[in-house]
Amino acid sequence: VVLDVPPPCARAYVHVGQYVEVLAEDAVAYFALCNDPGEAPFRLLVRPRGTVAEALARAHAGAAFTVSEPLGSGFEWDKTRDADVFVVVAGTGFAIAPAILRARLSEGASASTFLLVGTAGEVPMAHALSGMRAAGVSVTLCVPLGHGREAVFPRVEADLETTLALRLSDLRSAGDESSRRRVCVFAAGPEALLSSLEALVR
């Protein structure tokens, strides 16, 4: 969903990972920003579940919504410098991925950027992801058992936690301890997924 916002609102988006509050039909919901900091219009990834998301999904061009300025302090981006970065997402959590991947591409860090997407179906923004993959970002779909098939992106029949654990193990075993890089993991999705990922990374 594309939202035109006043210039001061667009300028308030300064850090990857910020989000906005949207009011519709006397309900409030929060959405991560998919566009890059400072850009207008705002772009939201919306799955039509819940009052606000359903209102956004069925709205026609020109419909008006109350939208906050970007909220939160965003991700701690300084920690990604000279680090291997994993972006682990499922469902509408995918919304955090585009801005992170574009930022890594602009920094020339695509070869050390890994996107893991939990899905049983199609991937949002597949065309854009294909371009990022061509530029060196590793993109892997993690699908339920029995869903593996030929696709544009590599697929593994495993959950996100298992796949991330294997990738981290591969990185740890590559090279000696002095050559290992720091690892940053950005994750978004269901609360149960985030809890298990947090325990895994720790």
N, C-alpha and C. Protein backbone atom coordinates (compact mmCIF):
# COMPACT_ATOMS: atom_id res chain seq x y z
N VAL A 1 0.86 -1.17 0.00
CA VAL A 1 0.00 0.00 0.00
C VAL A 1 0.90 1.23 0.00
N VAL A 2 0.60 2.16 -0.89
CA VAL A 2 1.41 3.36 -1.04
C VAL A 2 0.66 4.54 -0.43
N LEU A 3 1.31 5.26 0.47
CA LEU A 3 0.69 6.39 1.16
C LEU A 3 1.47 7.67 0.90
N ASP A 4 0.82 8.66 0.31
CA ASP A 4 1.44 9.98 0.18
C ASP A 4 1.42 10.65 1.54
N VAL A 5 2.55 11.20 1.94
CA VAL A 5 2.64 11.88 3.24
C VAL A 5 3.29 13.24 3.05
N PRO A 6 3.01 14.18 3.94
CA PRO A 6 3.63 15.50 3.82
C PRO A 6 5.15 15.40 3.95
N PRO A 7 5.90 16.31 3.33
CA PRO A 7 7.37 16.27 3.39
C PRO A 7 7.95 16.19 4.80
N PRO A 8 7.42 16.93 5.79
CA PRO A 8 8.01 16.81 7.13
C PRO A 8 7.88 15.39 7.70
N CYS A 9 6.78 14.70 7.36
CA CYS A 9 6.59 13.33 7.81
C CYS A 9 7.61 12.42 7.15
N ALA A 10 7.83 12.60 5.86
CA ALA A 10 8.82 11.79 5.15
C ALA A 10 10.22 12.02 5.71
N ARG A 11 10.53 13.26 6.04
CA ARG A 11 11.88 13.58 6.56
C ARG A 11 12.11 13.00 7.94
N ALA A 12 11.03 12.69 8.67
CA ALA A 12 11.16 12.12 10.01
C ALA A 12 11.55 10.65 9.97
N TYR A 13 11.50 10.05 8.80
CA TYR A 13 11.94 8.67 8.64
C TYR A 13 13.45 8.71 8.36
N VAL A 14 14.24 8.44 9.38
CA VAL A 14 15.69 8.61 9.25
C VAL A 14 16.47 7.32 9.49
N HIS A 15 15.83 6.28 10.04
CA HIS A 15 16.55 5.05 10.34
C HIS A 15 15.79 3.83 9.83
N VAL A 16 16.50 2.92 9.18
CA VAL A 16 15.90 1.65 8.79
C VAL A 16 15.35 0.96 10.04
N GLY A 17 14.12 0.47 9.95
CA GLY A 17 13.50 -0.20 11.09
C GLY A 17 12.43 0.61 11.78
N GLN A 18 12.24 1.86 11.35
CA GLN A 18 11.15 2.64 11.93
C GLN A 18 9.80 2.16 11.35
N TYR A 19 8.72 2.57 12.00
CA TYR A 19 7.39 2.10 11.63
C TYR A 19 6.39 3.22 11.84
N VAL A 20 5.16 3.01 11.36
CA VAL A 20 4.13 4.03 11.52
C VAL A 20 2.88 3.43 12.15
N GLU A 21 2.10 4.30 12.76
CA GLU A 21 0.79 3.95 13.31
C GLU A 21 -0.26 4.44 12.32
N VAL A 22 -1.19 3.56 11.99
CA VAL A 22 -2.26 3.92 11.06
C VAL A 22 -3.60 3.76 11.77
N LEU A 23 -4.45 4.79 11.63
CA LEU A 23 -5.78 4.77 12.23
C LEU A 23 -6.81 4.60 11.12
N ALA A 24 -7.72 3.64 11.33
CA ALA A 24 -8.82 3.44 10.37
C ALA A 24 -9.98 2.78 11.10
N GLU A 25 -11.16 3.30 10.87
CA GLU A 25 -12.38 2.73 11.45
C GLU A 25 -12.27 2.57 12.96
N ASP A 26 -11.73 3.59 13.61
CA ASP A 26 -11.59 3.63 15.08
C ASP A 26 -10.67 2.54 15.62
N ALA A 27 -9.82 2.01 14.79
CA ALA A 27 -8.83 1.01 15.22
C ALA A 27 -7.44 1.50 14.83
N VAL A 28 -6.44 0.98 15.53
CA VAL A 28 -5.05 1.38 15.29
C VAL A 28 -4.23 0.14 15.01
N ALA A 29 -3.29 0.26 14.08
CA ALA A 29 -2.35 -0.84 13.82
C ALA A 29 -1.01 -0.23 13.43
N TYR A 30 0.04 -1.04 13.55
CA TYR A 30 1.40 -0.57 13.29
C TYR A 30 1.98 -1.34 12.10
N PHE A 31 2.72 -0.61 11.25
CA PHE A 31 3.28 -1.21 10.04
C PHE A 31 4.72 -0.74 9.86
N ALA A 32 5.60 -1.69 9.55
CA ALA A 32 6.98 -1.33 9.23
C ALA A 32 7.01 -0.62 7.89
N LEU A 33 7.95 0.30 7.75
CA LEU A 33 8.10 1.02 6.49
C LEU A 33 9.00 0.22 5.55
N CYS A 34 8.50 -0.01 4.32
CA CYS A 34 9.26 -0.78 3.32
C CYS A 34 10.17 0.09 2.47
N ASN A 35 9.90 1.38 2.42
CA ASN A 35 10.73 2.26 1.59
C ASN A 35 11.98 2.68 2.35
N ASP A 36 12.87 3.38 1.68
CA ASP A 36 14.12 3.80 2.30
C ASP A 36 13.92 5.07 3.11
N PRO A 37 14.75 5.29 4.15
CA PRO A 37 14.64 6.50 4.95
C PRO A 37 14.68 7.76 4.09
N GLY A 38 13.81 8.72 4.46
CA GLY A 38 13.76 10.00 3.76
C GLY A 38 12.93 9.98 2.50
N GLU A 39 12.50 8.80 2.06
CA GLU A 39 11.73 8.71 0.82
C GLU A 39 10.24 8.91 1.06
N ALA A 40 9.60 9.48 0.08
CA ALA A 40 8.14 9.52 0.03
C ALA A 40 7.75 9.07 -1.37
N PRO A 41 6.61 8.40 -1.53
CA PRO A 41 5.61 8.07 -0.50
C PRO A 41 6.08 6.94 0.40
N PHE A 42 5.32 6.73 1.49
CA PHE A 42 5.56 5.59 2.36
C PHE A 42 4.97 4.34 1.70
N ARG A 43 5.66 3.22 1.89
CA ARG A 43 5.18 1.94 1.35
C ARG A 43 5.04 0.95 2.49
N LEU A 44 3.86 0.33 2.57
CA LEU A 44 3.56 -0.64 3.63
C LEU A 44 3.24 -1.98 2.99
N LEU A 45 3.69 -3.05 3.63
CA LEU A 45 3.29 -4.39 3.21
C LEU A 45 2.10 -4.79 4.08
N VAL A 46 0.97 -5.06 3.45
CA VAL A 46 -0.27 -5.27 4.19
C VAL A 46 -0.86 -6.63 3.85
N ARG A 47 -1.09 -7.43 4.89
CA ARG A 47 -1.89 -8.65 4.73
C ARG A 47 -3.26 -8.32 5.30
N PRO A 48 -4.35 -8.52 4.53
CA PRO A 48 -5.67 -8.06 4.99
C PRO A 48 -6.23 -8.88 6.15
N ARG A 49 -5.63 -8.72 7.29
CA ARG A 49 -6.12 -9.35 8.52
C ARG A 49 -6.15 -8.30 9.61
N GLY A 50 -7.30 -8.09 10.20
CA GLY A 50 -7.46 -7.03 11.19
C GLY A 50 -8.14 -5.83 10.56
N THR A 51 -8.77 -5.03 11.39
CA THR A 51 -9.59 -3.91 10.93
C THR A 51 -8.81 -2.94 10.05
N VAL A 52 -7.64 -2.49 10.53
CA VAL A 52 -6.89 -1.47 9.80
C VAL A 52 -6.32 -2.05 8.51
N ALA A 53 -5.72 -3.23 8.60
CA ALA A 53 -5.14 -3.84 7.41
C ALA A 53 -6.20 -4.10 6.34
N GLU A 54 -7.37 -4.53 6.75
CA GLU A 54 -8.44 -4.77 5.79
C GLU A 54 -8.90 -3.47 5.14
N ALA A 55 -8.96 -2.39 5.94
CA ALA A 55 -9.36 -1.09 5.40
C ALA A 55 -8.33 -0.60 4.38
N LEU A 56 -7.04 -0.77 4.69
CA LEU A 56 -6.00 -0.36 3.75
C LEU A 56 -6.05 -1.18 2.47
N ALA A 57 -6.26 -2.49 2.62
CA ALA A 57 -6.24 -3.38 1.45
C ALA A 57 -7.40 -3.11 0.49
N ARG A 58 -8.55 -2.69 1.01
CA ARG A 58 -9.69 -2.48 0.11
C ARG A 58 -9.85 -1.02 -0.30
N ALA A 59 -8.98 -0.14 0.19
CA ALA A 59 -9.11 1.29 -0.12
C ALA A 59 -8.79 1.57 -1.59
N HIS A 60 -9.48 2.55 -2.14
CA HIS A 60 -9.24 2.98 -3.52
C HIS A 60 -8.25 4.13 -3.51
N ALA A 61 -7.63 4.38 -4.64
CA ALA A 61 -6.71 5.52 -4.76
C ALA A 61 -7.42 6.79 -4.33
N GLY A 62 -6.75 7.58 -3.52
CA GLY A 62 -7.31 8.82 -3.04
C GLY A 62 -7.95 8.73 -1.67
N ALA A 63 -8.10 7.51 -1.14
CA ALA A 63 -8.65 7.36 0.22
C ALA A 63 -7.68 7.97 1.23
N ALA A 64 -8.23 8.52 2.31
CA ALA A 64 -7.41 9.20 3.31
C ALA A 64 -7.36 8.39 4.60
N PHE A 65 -6.16 8.33 5.19
CA PHE A 65 -5.95 7.65 6.47
C PHE A 65 -5.12 8.55 7.37
N THR A 66 -5.31 8.40 8.66
CA THR A 66 -4.48 9.11 9.62
C THR A 66 -3.24 8.27 9.90
N VAL A 67 -2.08 8.85 9.61
CA VAL A 67 -0.82 8.13 9.74
C VAL A 67 0.13 8.96 10.60
N SER A 68 0.77 8.30 11.56
CA SER A 68 1.72 9.00 12.42
C SER A 68 3.02 9.29 11.68
N GLU A 69 3.83 10.15 12.26
CA GLU A 69 5.21 10.26 11.80
C GLU A 69 5.91 8.95 12.14
N PRO A 70 7.04 8.64 11.48
CA PRO A 70 7.76 7.40 11.79
C PRO A 70 8.10 7.31 13.27
N LEU A 71 7.88 6.12 13.83
CA LEU A 71 8.08 5.88 15.26
C LEU A 71 9.29 4.97 15.49
N GLY A 72 9.77 4.99 16.72
CA GLY A 72 10.88 4.12 17.10
C GLY A 72 12.22 4.69 16.65
N SER A 73 13.28 4.09 17.17
CA SER A 73 14.63 4.55 16.84
C SER A 73 15.27 3.75 15.71
N GLY A 74 14.54 2.75 15.20
CA GLY A 74 15.09 1.94 14.12
C GLY A 74 16.10 0.93 14.63
N PHE A 75 16.75 0.26 13.68
CA PHE A 75 17.74 -0.76 14.03
C PHE A 75 19.07 -0.12 14.39
N GLU A 76 19.87 -0.83 15.17
CA GLU A 76 21.20 -0.35 15.54
C GLU A 76 22.15 -0.62 14.37
N TRP A 77 22.08 0.24 13.37
CA TRP A 77 22.75 -0.02 12.10
C TRP A 77 24.28 -0.04 12.22
N ASP A 78 24.83 0.71 13.16
CA ASP A 78 26.29 0.73 13.31
C ASP A 78 26.86 -0.66 13.57
N LYS A 79 26.06 -1.53 14.18
CA LYS A 79 26.54 -2.87 14.50
C LYS A 79 26.69 -3.76 13.27
N THR A 80 26.14 -3.32 12.14
CA THR A 80 26.23 -4.14 10.93
C THR A 80 27.55 -3.93 10.19
N ARG A 81 28.30 -2.93 10.59
CA ARG A 81 29.55 -2.66 9.88
C ARG A 81 30.51 -3.83 10.06
N ASP A 82 31.06 -4.31 8.96
CA ASP A 82 32.01 -5.44 8.97
C ASP A 82 31.40 -6.67 9.63
N ALA A 83 30.11 -6.89 9.42
CA ALA A 83 29.43 -8.05 10.01
C ALA A 83 28.68 -8.83 8.93
N ASP A 84 28.46 -10.11 9.19
CA ASP A 84 27.55 -10.89 8.37
C ASP A 84 26.14 -10.63 8.89
N VAL A 85 25.23 -10.28 8.00
CA VAL A 85 23.88 -9.89 8.42
C VAL A 85 22.86 -10.90 7.89
N PHE A 86 22.06 -11.44 8.81
CA PHE A 86 20.95 -12.34 8.46
C PHE A 86 19.64 -11.60 8.68
N VAL A 87 18.76 -11.66 7.69
CA VAL A 87 17.42 -11.10 7.81
C VAL A 87 16.47 -12.29 7.77
N VAL A 88 15.77 -12.54 8.87
CA VAL A 88 14.94 -13.74 9.03
C VAL A 88 13.50 -13.28 9.21
N VAL A 89 12.63 -13.61 8.24
CA VAL A 89 11.28 -13.05 8.25
C VAL A 89 10.23 -14.08 7.88
N ALA A 90 9.03 -13.86 8.39
CA ALA A 90 7.87 -14.68 8.02
C ALA A 90 6.64 -13.79 8.03
N GLY A 91 5.66 -14.11 7.17
CA GLY A 91 4.43 -13.32 7.12
C GLY A 91 4.70 -11.87 6.78
N THR A 92 3.95 -10.97 7.40
CA THR A 92 4.15 -9.55 7.12
C THR A 92 5.44 -9.02 7.74
N GLY A 93 6.12 -9.87 8.52
CA GLY A 93 7.46 -9.50 8.99
C GLY A 93 8.40 -9.24 7.84
N PHE A 94 8.03 -9.74 6.63
CA PHE A 94 8.85 -9.49 5.44
C PHE A 94 9.05 -8.00 5.22
N ALA A 95 8.16 -7.17 5.75
CA ALA A 95 8.22 -5.73 5.50
C ALA A 95 9.55 -5.11 5.91
N ILE A 96 10.25 -5.70 6.89
CA ILE A 96 11.53 -5.10 7.31
C ILE A 96 12.64 -5.38 6.31
N ALA A 97 12.46 -6.39 5.45
CA ALA A 97 13.57 -6.86 4.61
C ALA A 97 14.01 -5.88 3.53
N PRO A 98 13.09 -5.30 2.73
CA PRO A 98 13.55 -4.50 1.58
C PRO A 98 14.50 -3.37 1.95
N ALA A 99 14.17 -2.59 2.97
CA ALA A 99 15.03 -1.46 3.32
C ALA A 99 16.39 -1.93 3.84
N ILE A 100 16.41 -3.03 4.60
CA ILE A 100 17.69 -3.57 5.09
C ILE A 100 18.55 -4.02 3.91
N LEU A 101 17.96 -4.77 2.99
CA LEU A 101 18.72 -5.28 1.86
C LEU A 101 19.25 -4.15 0.98
N ARG A 102 18.42 -3.14 0.73
CA ARG A 102 18.88 -2.03 -0.10
C ARG A 102 20.01 -1.27 0.58
N ALA A 103 19.92 -1.11 1.91
CA ALA A 103 20.99 -0.43 2.63
C ALA A 103 22.29 -1.22 2.54
N ARG A 104 22.20 -2.54 2.67
CA ARG A 104 23.41 -3.37 2.56
C ARG A 104 23.99 -3.30 1.14
N LEU A 105 23.14 -3.29 0.13
CA LEU A 105 23.62 -3.16 -1.25
C LEU A 105 24.34 -1.84 -1.45
N SER A 106 23.78 -0.77 -0.90
CA SER A 106 24.39 0.55 -1.08
C SER A 106 25.74 0.64 -0.38
N GLU A 107 25.95 -0.19 0.63
CA GLU A 107 27.23 -0.21 1.36
C GLU A 107 28.22 -1.21 0.76
N GLY A 108 27.82 -1.88 -0.32
CA GLY A 108 28.70 -2.86 -0.93
C GLY A 108 28.86 -4.12 -0.11
N ALA A 109 27.84 -4.45 0.69
CA ALA A 109 27.92 -5.59 1.61
C ALA A 109 26.99 -6.72 1.23
N SER A 110 26.63 -6.82 -0.05
CA SER A 110 25.66 -7.84 -0.46
C SER A 110 26.17 -9.25 -0.23
N ALA A 111 27.47 -9.49 -0.41
CA ALA A 111 28.00 -10.85 -0.29
C ALA A 111 27.94 -11.38 1.13
N SER A 112 27.78 -10.50 2.10
CA SER A 112 27.69 -10.93 3.50
C SER A 112 26.30 -10.66 4.06
N THR A 113 25.28 -10.71 3.17
CA THR A 113 23.90 -10.48 3.56
C THR A 113 23.06 -11.68 3.16
N PHE A 114 22.28 -12.21 4.11
CA PHE A 114 21.54 -13.45 3.91
C PHE A 114 20.08 -13.25 4.30
N LEU A 115 19.17 -13.49 3.37
CA LEU A 115 17.74 -13.37 3.64
C LEU A 115 17.14 -14.77 3.71
N LEU A 116 16.48 -15.08 4.83
CA LEU A 116 15.75 -16.33 5.01
C LEU A 116 14.27 -15.98 5.15
N VAL A 117 13.45 -16.52 4.24
CA VAL A 117 12.01 -16.19 4.23
C VAL A 117 11.21 -17.45 4.53
N GLY A 118 10.43 -17.43 5.60
CA GLY A 118 9.53 -18.53 5.91
C GLY A 118 8.25 -18.36 5.12
N THR A 119 7.92 -19.34 4.27
CA THR A 119 6.73 -19.21 3.44
C THR A 119 6.25 -20.57 2.97
N ALA A 120 4.95 -20.68 2.78
CA ALA A 120 4.39 -21.88 2.15
C ALA A 120 3.86 -21.53 0.77
N GLY A 121 4.01 -20.26 0.38
CA GLY A 121 3.48 -19.83 -0.90
C GLY A 121 4.43 -18.89 -1.60
N GLU A 122 3.87 -17.88 -2.25
CA GLU A 122 4.68 -16.95 -3.02
C GLU A 122 5.37 -15.95 -2.10
N VAL A 123 6.38 -15.30 -2.64
CA VAL A 123 7.16 -14.32 -1.89
C VAL A 123 6.80 -12.92 -2.33
N PRO A 124 6.53 -12.01 -1.40
CA PRO A 124 6.26 -10.62 -1.79
C PRO A 124 7.47 -10.02 -2.51
N MET A 125 7.21 -9.12 -3.43
CA MET A 125 8.26 -8.36 -4.09
C MET A 125 9.31 -9.26 -4.72
N ALA A 126 8.85 -10.35 -5.33
CA ALA A 126 9.79 -11.33 -5.89
C ALA A 126 10.70 -10.72 -6.95
N HIS A 127 10.17 -9.81 -7.76
CA HIS A 127 10.99 -9.21 -8.81
C HIS A 127 12.15 -8.42 -8.21
N ALA A 128 11.84 -7.61 -7.18
CA ALA A 128 12.89 -6.82 -6.52
C ALA A 128 13.92 -7.74 -5.86
N LEU A 129 13.44 -8.82 -5.24
CA LEU A 129 14.35 -9.76 -4.60
C LEU A 129 15.26 -10.44 -5.62
N SER A 130 14.73 -10.71 -6.80
CA SER A 130 15.56 -11.31 -7.85
C SER A 130 16.72 -10.40 -8.21
N GLY A 131 16.44 -9.10 -8.27
CA GLY A 131 17.50 -8.13 -8.55
C GLY A 131 18.54 -8.09 -7.45
N MET A 132 18.09 -8.17 -6.20
CA MET A 132 19.02 -8.16 -5.08
C MET A 132 19.87 -9.42 -5.06
N ARG A 133 19.23 -10.54 -5.39
CA ARG A 133 19.98 -11.80 -5.46
C ARG A 133 21.03 -11.73 -6.56
N ALA A 134 20.67 -11.14 -7.70
CA ALA A 134 21.63 -10.99 -8.79
C ALA A 134 22.80 -10.11 -8.38
N ALA A 135 22.56 -9.19 -7.42
CA ALA A 135 23.61 -8.30 -6.93
C ALA A 135 24.45 -8.94 -5.83
N GLY A 136 24.10 -10.18 -5.44
CA GLY A 136 24.95 -10.88 -4.48
C GLY A 136 24.33 -11.25 -3.16
N VAL A 137 23.10 -10.78 -2.88
CA VAL A 137 22.44 -11.15 -1.63
C VAL A 137 21.99 -12.61 -1.70
N SER A 138 22.23 -13.38 -0.64
CA SER A 138 21.77 -14.76 -0.59
C SER A 138 20.30 -14.78 -0.15
N VAL A 139 19.43 -15.38 -0.98
CA VAL A 139 18.00 -15.45 -0.68
C VAL A 139 17.59 -16.92 -0.62
N THR A 140 17.04 -17.35 0.51
CA THR A 140 16.60 -18.74 0.67
C THR A 140 15.19 -18.77 1.23
N LEU A 141 14.33 -19.57 0.59
CA LEU A 141 12.98 -19.78 1.09
C LEU A 141 12.97 -21.01 1.98
N CYS A 142 12.40 -20.89 3.16
CA CYS A 142 12.25 -22.01 4.08
C CYS A 142 10.79 -22.43 4.06
N VAL A 143 10.53 -23.63 3.55
CA VAL A 143 9.15 -24.06 3.30
C VAL A 143 8.83 -25.30 4.10
N PRO A 144 7.54 -25.52 4.40
CA PRO A 144 7.15 -26.75 5.10
C PRO A 144 7.47 -27.99 4.28
N LEU A 145 7.66 -29.10 4.98
CA LEU A 145 7.95 -30.37 4.33
C LEU A 145 6.89 -30.66 3.26
N GLY A 146 7.35 -31.04 2.08
CA GLY A 146 6.43 -31.35 1.00
C GLY A 146 6.14 -30.19 0.08
N HIS A 147 6.64 -28.99 0.44
CA HIS A 147 6.39 -27.81 -0.40
C HIS A 147 7.60 -27.47 -1.28
N GLY A 148 8.70 -28.20 -1.12
CA GLY A 148 9.89 -27.90 -1.90
C GLY A 148 9.65 -28.18 -3.37
N ARG A 149 10.00 -27.23 -4.23
CA ARG A 149 9.84 -27.43 -5.67
C ARG A 149 10.72 -26.40 -6.39
N GLU A 150 10.85 -26.57 -7.68
CA GLU A 150 11.65 -25.64 -8.46
C GLU A 150 11.07 -24.24 -8.33
N ALA A 151 11.94 -23.26 -8.19
CA ALA A 151 11.48 -21.89 -8.06
C ALA A 151 12.61 -20.94 -8.43
N VAL A 152 12.28 -19.65 -8.46
CA VAL A 152 13.28 -18.64 -8.77
C VAL A 152 14.36 -18.62 -7.69
N PHE A 153 13.95 -18.85 -6.45
CA PHE A 153 14.89 -18.79 -5.33
C PHE A 153 15.16 -20.19 -4.78
N PRO A 154 16.35 -20.40 -4.23
CA PRO A 154 16.62 -21.69 -3.58
C PRO A 154 15.63 -21.93 -2.45
N ARG A 155 15.22 -23.19 -2.30
CA ARG A 155 14.28 -23.57 -1.24
C ARG A 155 14.89 -24.67 -0.39
N VAL A 156 14.59 -24.63 0.89
CA VAL A 156 14.94 -25.74 1.77
C VAL A 156 13.68 -26.15 2.51
N GLU A 157 13.49 -27.43 2.71
CA GLU A 157 12.32 -27.91 3.45
C GLU A 157 12.70 -28.00 4.92
N ALA A 158 12.72 -26.85 5.55
CA ALA A 158 13.09 -26.76 6.97
C ALA A 158 12.54 -25.45 7.50
N ASP A 159 12.38 -25.38 8.82
CA ASP A 159 11.88 -24.13 9.40
C ASP A 159 13.00 -23.10 9.48
N LEU A 160 12.63 -21.88 9.79
CA LEU A 160 13.60 -20.79 9.83
C LEU A 160 14.66 -21.01 10.90
N GLU A 161 14.24 -21.50 12.07
CA GLU A 161 15.20 -21.70 13.15
C GLU A 161 16.28 -22.70 12.76
N THR A 162 15.87 -23.83 12.18
CA THR A 162 16.83 -24.86 11.77
C THR A 162 17.77 -24.34 10.70
N THR A 163 17.21 -23.62 9.74
CA THR A 163 18.03 -23.10 8.65
C THR A 163 19.04 -22.08 9.16
N LEU A 164 18.59 -21.18 10.04
CA LEU A 164 19.51 -20.19 10.59
C LEU A 164 20.61 -20.88 11.39
N ALA A 165 20.24 -21.87 12.20
CA ALA A 165 21.25 -22.58 13.00
C ALA A 165 22.31 -23.21 12.11
N LEU A 166 21.89 -23.81 10.99
CA LEU A 166 22.85 -24.43 10.08
C LEU A 166 23.75 -23.38 9.43
N ARG A 167 23.17 -22.26 9.04
CA ARG A 167 23.98 -21.21 8.41
C ARG A 167 24.99 -20.63 9.39
N LEU A 168 24.57 -20.42 10.62
CA LEU A 168 25.50 -19.89 11.63
C LEU A 168 26.61 -20.90 11.91
N SER A 169 26.26 -22.17 11.95
CA SER A 169 27.27 -23.21 12.17
C SER A 169 28.27 -23.24 11.02
N ASP A 170 27.78 -23.09 9.79
CA ASP A 170 28.67 -23.05 8.63
C ASP A 170 29.65 -21.88 8.73
N LEU A 171 29.15 -20.72 9.16
CA LEU A 171 30.02 -19.56 9.28
C LEU A 171 31.08 -19.78 10.36
N ARG A 172 30.66 -20.38 11.48
CA ARG A 172 31.61 -20.61 12.58
C ARG A 172 32.71 -21.58 12.19
N SER A 173 32.37 -22.55 11.34
CA SER A 173 33.34 -23.57 10.98
C SER A 173 34.25 -23.14 9.83
N ALA A 174 33.91 -22.02 9.19
CA ALA A 174 34.71 -21.55 8.07
C ALA A 174 35.85 -20.67 8.58
N GLY A 175 37.08 -21.07 8.28
CA GLY A 175 38.23 -20.26 8.69
C GLY A 175 38.55 -20.42 10.16
N ASP A 176 39.60 -19.74 10.58
CA ASP A 176 39.99 -19.83 11.99
C ASP A 176 39.31 -18.73 12.79
N GLU A 177 39.47 -18.78 14.09
CA GLU A 177 38.75 -17.86 14.98
C GLU A 177 39.11 -16.41 14.71
N SER A 178 40.35 -16.15 14.34
CA SER A 178 40.78 -14.77 14.13
C SER A 178 40.13 -14.13 12.89
N SER A 179 39.67 -14.98 11.96
CA SER A 179 39.09 -14.44 10.73
C SER A 179 37.57 -14.35 10.79
N ARG A 180 36.98 -14.78 11.88
CA ARG A 180 35.51 -14.76 11.98
C ARG A 180 34.99 -13.34 12.14
N ARG A 181 33.87 -13.08 11.50
CA ARG A 181 33.23 -11.78 11.58
C ARG A 181 32.07 -11.82 12.58
N ARG A 182 31.70 -10.65 13.03
CA ARG A 182 30.50 -10.58 13.88
C ARG A 182 29.28 -10.93 13.04
N VAL A 183 28.22 -11.36 13.71
CA VAL A 183 26.96 -11.70 13.04
C VAL A 183 25.84 -10.85 13.65
N CYS A 184 25.05 -10.24 12.79
CA CYS A 184 23.85 -9.52 13.22
C CYS A 184 22.63 -10.23 12.62
N VAL A 185 21.60 -10.39 13.42
CA VAL A 185 20.37 -11.02 12.95
C VAL A 185 19.22 -10.04 13.15
N PHE A 186 18.52 -9.71 12.06
CA PHE A 186 17.30 -8.93 12.13
C PHE A 186 16.15 -9.88 11.84
N ALA A 187 15.15 -9.90 12.70
CA ALA A 187 14.05 -10.86 12.52
C ALA A 187 12.71 -10.18 12.75
N ALA A 188 11.70 -10.64 12.02
CA ALA A 188 10.34 -10.15 12.21
C ALA A 188 9.38 -11.25 11.79
N GLY A 189 8.31 -11.40 12.56
CA GLY A 189 7.32 -12.42 12.28
C GLY A 189 6.53 -12.73 13.53
N PRO A 190 5.90 -13.90 13.58
CA PRO A 190 5.12 -14.28 14.76
C PRO A 190 5.96 -14.29 16.03
N GLU A 191 5.32 -13.99 17.15
CA GLU A 191 6.03 -13.89 18.42
C GLU A 191 6.77 -15.18 18.79
N ALA A 192 6.16 -16.33 18.51
CA ALA A 192 6.81 -17.60 18.84
C ALA A 192 8.11 -17.77 18.05
N LEU A 193 8.09 -17.35 16.80
CA LEU A 193 9.30 -17.41 15.98
C LEU A 193 10.40 -16.53 16.57
N LEU A 194 10.04 -15.30 16.93
CA LEU A 194 11.03 -14.38 17.47
C LEU A 194 11.64 -14.89 18.76
N SER A 195 10.81 -15.49 19.62
CA SER A 195 11.32 -16.03 20.89
C SER A 195 12.32 -17.15 20.65
N SER A 196 12.01 -18.04 19.72
CA SER A 196 12.91 -19.16 19.45
C SER A 196 14.19 -18.69 18.77
N LEU A 197 14.09 -17.69 17.90
CA LEU A 197 15.28 -17.15 17.26
C LEU A 197 16.18 -16.46 18.27
N GLU A 198 15.57 -15.72 19.19
CA GLU A 198 16.36 -15.03 20.21
C GLU A 198 17.13 -16.04 21.06
N ALA A 199 16.47 -17.12 21.45
CA ALA A 199 17.14 -18.16 22.24
C ALA A 199 18.27 -18.80 21.42
N LEU A 200 18.04 -19.02 20.14
CA LEU A 200 19.04 -19.64 19.28
C LEU A 200 20.27 -18.76 19.16
N VAL A 201 20.06 -17.48 18.89
CA VAL A 201 21.19 -16.56 18.67
C VAL A 201 22.00 -16.41 19.97
N ARG A 202 21.30 -16.35 21.09
CA ARG A 202 22.03 -16.25 22.36
C ARG A 202 22.90 -17.47 22.60
